[in-house]
C-alpha atoms as a PDB file:
ATOM      1  CA  MET A   1       3.168   5.156  25.147  1.00  0.00           C
ATOM      2  CA  ALA A   2       6.395   5.819  23.352  1.00  0.00           C
ATOM      3  CA  VAL A   3       7.446   9.929  23.655  1.00  0.00           C
ATOM      4  CA  ILE A   4       8.807  11.460  20.557  1.00  0.00           C
ATOM      5  CA  ASP A   5       9.758  14.935  19.786  1.00  0.00           C
ATOM      6  CA  VAL A   6       7.947  17.706  17.803  1.00  0.00           C
ATOM      7  CA  LEU A   7       9.788  20.209  16.148  1.00  0.00           C
ATOM      8  CA  ASN A   8       9.171  23.229  13.733  1.00  0.00           C
ATOM      9  CA  ILE A   9       9.928  23.285  10.080  1.00  0.00           C
ATOM     10  CA  GLU A  10      13.284  25.123  11.421  1.00  0.00           C
ATOM     11  CA  GLY A  11      14.276  21.597  12.924  1.00  0.00           C
ATOM     12  CA  GLN A  12      13.681  23.039  16.777  1.00  0.00           C
ATOM     13  CA  GLN A  13      11.990  21.027  19.077  1.00  0.00           C
ATOM     14  CA  VAL A  14       8.459  23.111  20.278  1.00  0.00           C
ATOM     15  CA  ALA A  15       6.969  19.854  22.262  1.00  0.00           C
ATOM     16  CA  GLN A  16       6.397  16.183  22.707  1.00  0.00           C
ATOM     17  CA  ALA A  17       3.940  13.887  21.387  1.00  0.00           C
ATOM     18  CA  ASP A  18       2.751  10.083  22.431  1.00  0.00           C
ATOM     19  CA  LEU A  19       2.877   7.708  19.859  1.00  0.00           C
ATOM     20  CA  PRO A  20       0.364   4.708  20.857  1.00  0.00           C
ATOM     21  CA  ASP A  21       2.098   1.166  21.015  1.00  0.00           C
ATOM     22  CA  ALA A  22      -0.954  -0.239  19.433  1.00  0.00           C
ATOM     23  CA  VAL A  23       0.849   1.239  16.223  1.00  0.00           C
ATOM     24  CA  PHE A  24       4.113   2.484  16.620  1.00  0.00           C
ATOM     25  CA  ASN A  25       5.922  -0.580  18.484  1.00  0.00           C
ATOM     26  CA  VAL A  26       4.203  -3.384  16.880  1.00  0.00           C
ATOM     27  CA  PRO A  27       6.608  -6.567  16.581  1.00  0.00           C
ATOM     28  CA  VAL A  28       8.062  -6.377  12.631  1.00  0.00           C
ATOM     29  CA  LYS A  29       8.004  -9.266  10.715  1.00  0.00           C
ATOM     30  CA  SER A  30       9.909  -9.381   7.431  1.00  0.00           C
ATOM     31  CA  HIS A  31       7.621 -11.708   5.617  1.00  0.00           C
ATOM     32  CA  VAL A  32       4.395  -9.901   6.246  1.00  0.00           C
ATOM     33  CA  LEU A  33       5.877  -6.680   5.101  1.00  0.00           C
ATOM     34  CA  HIS A  34       6.838  -8.583   2.070  1.00  0.00           C
ATOM     35  CA  GLU A  35       3.356 -10.244   1.421  1.00  0.00           C
ATOM     36  CA  VAL A  36       1.855  -6.481   1.135  1.00  0.00           C
ATOM     37  CA  VAL A  37       4.453  -5.007  -1.073  1.00  0.00           C
ATOM     38  CA  THR A  38       4.406  -7.595  -3.358  1.00  0.00           C
ATOM     39  CA  MET A  39       0.769  -7.143  -3.742  1.00  0.00           C
ATOM     40  CA  GLN A  40       0.822  -3.260  -4.066  1.00  0.00           C
ATOM     41  CA  LEU A  41       3.218  -3.749  -6.959  1.00  0.00           C
ATOM     42  CA  ALA A  42       1.482  -5.905  -8.555  1.00  0.00           C
ATOM     43  CA  ASN A  43      -1.727  -4.041  -8.515  1.00  0.00           C
ATOM     44  CA  ARG A  44      -0.202  -1.524  -9.959  1.00  0.00           C
ATOM     45  CA  ARG A  45       1.069  -3.389 -12.942  1.00  0.00           C
ATOM     46  CA  ASN A  46      -0.354  -2.115 -16.292  1.00  0.00           C
ATOM     47  CA  ALA A  47       0.921  -4.979 -18.469  1.00  0.00           C
ATOM     48  CA  HIS A  48      -2.490  -5.831 -20.123  1.00  0.00           C
ATOM     49  CA  PRO A  49      -1.526  -7.901 -24.157  1.00  0.00           C
ATOM     50  CA  GLN A  50      -4.374  -7.991 -25.873  1.00  0.00           C
ATOM     51  CA  VAL A  51      -4.287  -9.156 -29.784  1.00  0.00           C
ATOM     52  CA  LYS A  52      -6.762  -9.020 -32.184  1.00  0.00           C
ATOM     53  CA  HIS A  53      -8.961 -12.121 -33.031  1.00  0.00           C
ATOM     54  CA  ARG A  54     -10.832 -12.508 -36.771  1.00  0.00           C
ATOM     55  CA  GLY A  55     -14.182 -11.095 -35.633  1.00  0.00           C
ATOM     56  CA  ASP A  56     -11.822  -8.159 -33.900  1.00  0.00           C
ATOM     57  CA  VAL A  57     -10.142  -7.117 -37.403  1.00  0.00           C
ATOM     58  CA  ALA A  58     -11.403  -4.565 -39.601  1.00  0.00           C
ATOM     59  CA  GLY A  59     -12.342  -5.751 -43.096  1.00  0.00           C
ATOM     60  CA  SER A  60     -15.589  -7.810 -45.020  1.00  0.00           C
ATOM     61  CA  THR A  61     -16.989 -10.978 -44.265  1.00  0.00           C
ATOM     62  CA  ARG A  62     -17.410 -11.601 -47.698  1.00  0.00           C
ATOM     63  CA  LYS A  63     -16.333 -15.015 -48.808  1.00  0.00           C
ATOM     64  CA  LEU A  64     -13.337 -14.645 -50.973  1.00  0.00           C
ATOM     65  CA  TYR A  65     -14.302 -16.981 -53.809  1.00  0.00           C
ATOM     66  CA  LYS A  66     -16.570 -20.046 -53.990  1.00  0.00           C
ATOM     67  CA  GLN A  67     -16.211 -23.051 -52.201  1.00  0.00           C
ATOM     68  CA  LYS A  68     -15.760 -25.697 -54.716  1.00  0.00           C
ATOM     69  CA  GLY A  69     -14.383 -25.866 -58.414  1.00  0.00           C
ATOM     70  CA  THR A  70     -11.296 -23.506 -57.793  1.00  0.00           C
ATOM     71  CA  GLY A  71      -9.042 -26.496 -56.792  1.00  0.00           C
ATOM     72  CA  ARG A  72      -7.734 -23.999 -54.534  1.00  0.00           C
ATOM     73  CA  ALA A  73      -8.177 -24.667 -50.302  1.00  0.00           C
ATOM     74  CA  ARG A  74     -11.440 -23.707 -48.661  1.00  0.00           C
ATOM     75  CA  ARG A  75     -11.234 -19.931 -47.898  1.00  0.00           C
ATOM     76  CA  GLY A  76     -13.382 -17.604 -45.663  1.00  0.00           C
ATOM     77  CA  ASP A  77     -12.953 -14.120 -45.104  1.00  0.00           C
ATOM     78  CA  ILE A  78     -10.287 -11.985 -45.497  1.00  0.00           C
ATOM     79  CA  LYS A  79      -9.747 -11.697 -41.265  1.00  0.00           C
ATOM     80  CA  SER A  80      -9.206 -15.173 -41.883  1.00  0.00           C
ATOM     81  CA  PRO A  81      -5.937 -16.307 -39.146  1.00  0.00           C
ATOM     82  CA  LEU A  82      -4.246 -17.863 -42.350  1.00  0.00           C
ATOM     83  CA  LEU A  83      -3.892 -14.662 -44.325  1.00  0.00           C
ATOM     84  CA  ARG A  84      -1.749 -11.641 -43.821  1.00  0.00           C
ATOM     85  CA  GLY A  85      -3.748  -8.845 -41.760  1.00  0.00           C
ATOM     86  CA  GLY A  86      -5.954 -11.464 -40.338  1.00  0.00           C
ATOM     87  CA  GLY A  87      -6.704 -12.344 -36.903  1.00  0.00           C
ATOM     88  CA  VAL A  88      -4.565 -14.218 -34.384  1.00  0.00           C
ATOM     89  CA  ILE A  89      -5.180 -17.478 -33.310  1.00  0.00           C
ATOM     90  CA  PHE A  90      -3.923 -18.178 -30.026  1.00  0.00           C
ATOM     91  CA  GLY A  91      -2.705 -14.920 -29.055  1.00  0.00           C
ATOM     92  CA  PRO A  92      -2.934 -13.485 -25.578  1.00  0.00           C
ATOM     93  CA  ASP A  93      -6.352 -12.132 -24.587  1.00  0.00           C
ATOM     94  CA  GLY A  94      -5.551  -9.740 -21.438  1.00  0.00           C
ATOM     95  CA  ARG A  95      -4.237 -10.539 -18.419  1.00  0.00           C
ATOM     96  CA  THR A  96      -4.551  -8.821 -14.893  1.00  0.00           C
ATOM     97  CA  TYR A  97      -2.242  -9.117 -12.177  1.00  0.00           C
ATOM     98  CA  ASP A  98      -4.432  -8.061  -9.500  1.00  0.00           C
ATOM     99  CA  TYR A  99      -4.995 -10.239  -5.933  1.00  0.00           C
ATOM    100  CA  GLN A 100      -5.908  -8.890  -2.833  1.00  0.00           C
ATOM    101  CA  VAL A 101      -4.440 -10.418   1.207  1.00  0.00           C
ATOM    102  CA  PRO A 102      -6.933 -10.192   4.092  1.00  0.00           C
ATOM    103  CA  LYS A 103      -7.554  -6.753   5.492  1.00  0.00           C
ATOM    104  CA  LYS A 104      -6.153  -7.644   8.914  1.00  0.00           C
ATOM    105  CA  VAL A 105      -2.919  -8.731   7.283  1.00  0.00           C
ATOM    106  CA  ARG A 106      -3.178  -5.504   5.367  1.00  0.00           C
ATOM    107  CA  ARG A 107      -3.407  -3.634   8.661  1.00  0.00           C
ATOM    108  CA  LEU A 108      -1.040  -6.170  10.551  1.00  0.00           C
ATOM    109  CA  ALA A 109       1.560  -4.895   7.908  1.00  0.00           C
ATOM    110  CA  LEU A 110       0.819  -1.341   8.072  1.00  0.00           C
ATOM    111  CA  LYS A 111       1.312  -1.162  11.902  1.00  0.00           C
ATOM    112  CA  MET A 112       4.714  -2.869  11.554  1.00  0.00           C
ATOM    113  CA  ALA A 113       6.164  -0.676   8.873  1.00  0.00           C
ATOM    114  CA  LEU A 114       5.066   2.436  10.964  1.00  0.00           C
ATOM    115  CA  SER A 115       6.647   0.390  13.680  1.00  0.00           C
ATOM    116  CA  SER A 116      10.273  -0.121  11.954  1.00  0.00           C
ATOM    117  CA  LYS A 117      10.494   3.646  10.949  1.00  0.00           C
ATOM    118  CA  PHE A 118      10.234   4.047  14.738  1.00  0.00           C
ATOM    119  CA  GLN A 119      12.727   1.626  16.018  1.00  0.00           C
ATOM    120  CA  GLU A 120      15.077   2.556  13.602  1.00  0.00           C
ATOM    121  CA  ASN A 121      14.397   6.655  14.383  1.00  0.00           C
ATOM    122  CA  ALA A 122      13.736   7.318  11.015  1.00  0.00           C
ATOM    123  CA  LEU A 123      10.079   9.124  12.308  1.00  0.00           C
ATOM    124  CA  ILE A 124       9.970  12.756  12.789  1.00  0.00           C
ATOM    125  CA  VAL A 125       7.028  14.479  14.052  1.00  0.00           C
ATOM    126  CA  LEU A 126       6.117  18.088  13.251  1.00  0.00           C
ATOM    127  CA  ASP A 127       3.749  20.558  14.344  1.00  0.00           C
ATOM    128  CA  GLY A 128       2.562  21.770  11.312  1.00  0.00           C
ATOM    129  CA  PHE A 129       4.207  22.527   7.732  1.00  0.00           C
ATOM    130  CA  ASP A 130       2.537  25.879   6.628  1.00  0.00           C
ATOM    131  CA  LEU A 131       3.809  27.252   3.372  1.00  0.00           C
ATOM    132  CA  SER A 132       2.382  30.914   3.040  1.00  0.00           C
ATOM    133  CA  GLU A 133       2.636  30.114  -0.699  1.00  0.00           C
ATOM    134  CA  ILE A 134       3.434  27.744  -3.098  1.00  0.00           C
ATOM    135  CA  LYS A 135       7.112  27.951  -3.650  1.00  0.00           C
ATOM    136  CA  THR A 136       9.560  24.983  -3.948  1.00  0.00           C
ATOM    137  CA  ARG A 137      12.466  26.885  -2.581  1.00  0.00           C
ATOM    138  CA  ARG A 138      10.543  27.160   0.966  1.00  0.00           C
ATOM    139  CA  PHE A 139      10.060  23.694   0.976  1.00  0.00           C
ATOM    140  CA  VAL A 140      13.792  22.763  -0.278  1.00  0.00           C
ATOM    141  CA  ASN A 141      14.892  25.121   2.619  1.00  0.00           C
ATOM    142  CA  ALA A 142      12.568  23.299   5.183  1.00  0.00           C
ATOM    143  CA  LEU A 143      14.129  19.974   4.094  1.00  0.00           C
ATOM    144  CA  LYS A 144      17.594  21.063   4.617  1.00  0.00           C
ATOM    145  CA  ALA A 145      16.829  22.501   8.165  1.00  0.00           C
ATOM    146  CA  LEU A 146      15.643  19.263   8.897  1.00  0.00           C
ATOM    147  CA  ASN A 147      18.275  17.448   7.055  1.00  0.00           C
ATOM    148  CA  LEU A 148      15.799  15.033   4.932  1.00  0.00           C
ATOM    149  CA  LYS A 149      16.738  13.794   1.459  1.00  0.00           C
ATOM    150  CA  SER A 150      14.819  11.111   0.951  1.00  0.00           C
ATOM    151  CA  ALA A 151      10.810  11.672   3.011  1.00  0.00           C
ATOM    152  CA  LEU A 152       6.828  10.570   3.087  1.00  0.00           C
ATOM    153  CA  ILE A 153       5.381  13.590   4.490  1.00  0.00           C
ATOM    154  CA  ILE A 154       1.915  12.604   5.746  1.00  0.00           C
ATOM    155  CA  THR A 155      -0.628  15.162   5.986  1.00  0.00           C
ATOM    156  CA  GLU A 156      -3.603  14.856   8.054  1.00  0.00           C
ATOM    157  CA  ALA A 157      -5.872  16.510   5.461  1.00  0.00           C
ATOM    158  CA  LYS A 158      -5.111  18.160   2.435  1.00  0.00           C
ATOM    159  CA  ASN A 159      -2.667  21.006   1.866  1.00  0.00           C
ATOM    160  CA  ASP A 160      -2.516  22.779  -1.432  1.00  0.00           C
ATOM    161  CA  HIS A 161       0.536  24.778  -0.637  1.00  0.00           C
ATOM    162  CA  LEU A 162       2.849  21.997   0.994  1.00  0.00           C
ATOM    163  CA  GLU A 163       1.585  19.165  -2.092  1.00  0.00           C
ATOM    164  CA  ARG A 164       2.105  21.558  -5.112  1.00  0.00           C
ATOM    165  CA  SER A 165       5.382  22.993  -3.305  1.00  0.00           C
ATOM    166  CA  SER A 166       7.175  19.175  -3.081  1.00  0.00           C
ATOM    167  CA  ARG A 167       5.652  17.730  -6.318  1.00  0.00           C
ATOM    168  CA  ASN A 168       9.099  18.587  -8.474  1.00  0.00           C
ATOM    169  CA  VAL A 169      11.448  17.864  -5.628  1.00  0.00           C
ATOM    170  CA  PRO A 170      13.201  14.285  -5.969  1.00  0.00           C
ATOM    171  CA  LYS A 171      12.923  11.773  -3.077  1.00  0.00           C
ATOM    172  CA  VAL A 172       9.992  13.865  -1.323  1.00  0.00           C
ATOM    173  CA  LYS A 173       6.532  12.687  -1.658  1.00  0.00           C
ATOM    174  CA  VAL A 174       3.663  14.175   0.665  1.00  0.00           C
ATOM    175  CA  LEU A 175       0.438  11.902   1.419  1.00  0.00           C
ATOM    176  CA  ARG A 176      -2.650  12.836   2.543  1.00  0.00           C
ATOM    177  CA  SER A 177      -3.329  10.264   6.104  1.00  0.00           C
ATOM    178  CA  GLU A 178      -5.679   8.427   3.793  1.00  0.00           C
ATOM    179  CA  GLY A 179      -3.246   7.076   1.224  1.00  0.00           C
ATOM    180  CA  LEU A 180      -0.835   6.133   3.919  1.00  0.00           C
ATOM    181  CA  ASN A 181       0.452   2.517   2.597  1.00  0.00           C
ATOM    182  CA  VAL A 182       3.160  -0.302   2.837  1.00  0.00           C
ATOM    183  CA  TYR A 183       5.039   0.410  -0.066  1.00  0.00           C
ATOM    184  CA  ASP A 184       5.396   3.949   0.304  1.00  0.00           C
ATOM    185  CA  VAL A 185       6.494   4.190   4.234  1.00  0.00           C
ATOM    186  CA  LEU A 186       9.150   1.442   3.573  1.00  0.00           C
ATOM    187  CA  LYS A 187      10.584   2.945   0.310  1.00  0.00           C
ATOM    188  CA  TYR A 188      11.724   6.385   1.891  1.00  0.00           C
ATOM    189  CA  ASP A 189      14.449   6.698   4.272  1.00  0.00           C
ATOM    190  CA  THR A 190      12.475   8.916   6.677  1.00  0.00           C
ATOM    191  CA  LEU A 191       8.871   9.165   7.609  1.00  0.00           C
ATOM    192  CA  VAL A 192       7.900  12.312   8.569  1.00  0.00           C
ATOM    193  CA  LEU A 193       4.058  12.950  10.204  1.00  0.00           C
ATOM    194  CA  LEU A 194       2.196  16.253  11.306  1.00  0.00           C
ATOM    195  CA  GLN A 195       1.131  15.760  14.341  1.00  0.00           C
ATOM    196  CA  PRO A 196      -2.441  16.022  13.854  1.00  0.00           C
ATOM    197  CA  ALA A 197      -2.064  13.219  11.274  1.00  0.00           C
ATOM    198  CA  ILE A 198      -1.187  10.920  14.289  1.00  0.00           C
ATOM    199  CA  LYS A 199      -4.533  10.458  16.039  1.00  0.00           C
ATOM    200  CA  VAL A 200      -5.770  10.034  12.048  1.00  0.00           C
ATOM    201  CA  ILE A 201      -3.651   7.309  11.670  1.00  0.00           C
ATOM    202  CA  GLU A 202      -4.471   5.689  15.287  1.00  0.00           C
ATOM    203  CA  GLY A 203      -7.990   6.074  14.109  1.00  0.00           C
ATOM    204  CA  ARG A 204      -8.298   4.115  11.215  1.00  0.00           C
ATOM    205  CA  LEU A 205      -5.678   1.292  12.252  1.00  0.00           C
ATOM    206  CA  ILE A 206      -6.875   0.872  15.843  1.00  0.00           C
ATOM    207  CA  SER A 207     -10.809   1.167  15.493  1.00  0.00           C
END
């Protein structure tokens, strides 16, 4: 197992922690990370254009005039696609971009993302991040002490004071361990793990 220093929110070393090699020391393959990140971004897309066909347009179904004897073209109701305000004939009917890659690949990619942060010395472990009150200033001061500008902070459970103190700080995101994902790990420069979250992540990725 790899060993990493455990810091407090003042940036001082207080202990050391073991990181399981099966999670934090996996060979990194960029094509696997690319595949999973592409899947995540595709699943986040919300582009679903959809038009109204003649059955969807509000209006009477009364025939506008009689079928024969007028010398005009045959005409149905006012919702005809040939009339202004009528339905659309061949417009888009909605589309979803969602797709999935195998669960084993997603799990492997998350291990690779965590390993890449450890190998790049962009991983910090904290003994805790307890704030006595919801105060953005205290949170920002802690980031300055840790020399963090772009960071993803992973907690083992709900931490209301931390989550609400950080939500207005740019380039910083607080996630619970169950929400850990490849895209967010790679997006931020530094990954910050609270020490209790290591066991939770290990149980999720090794079991």
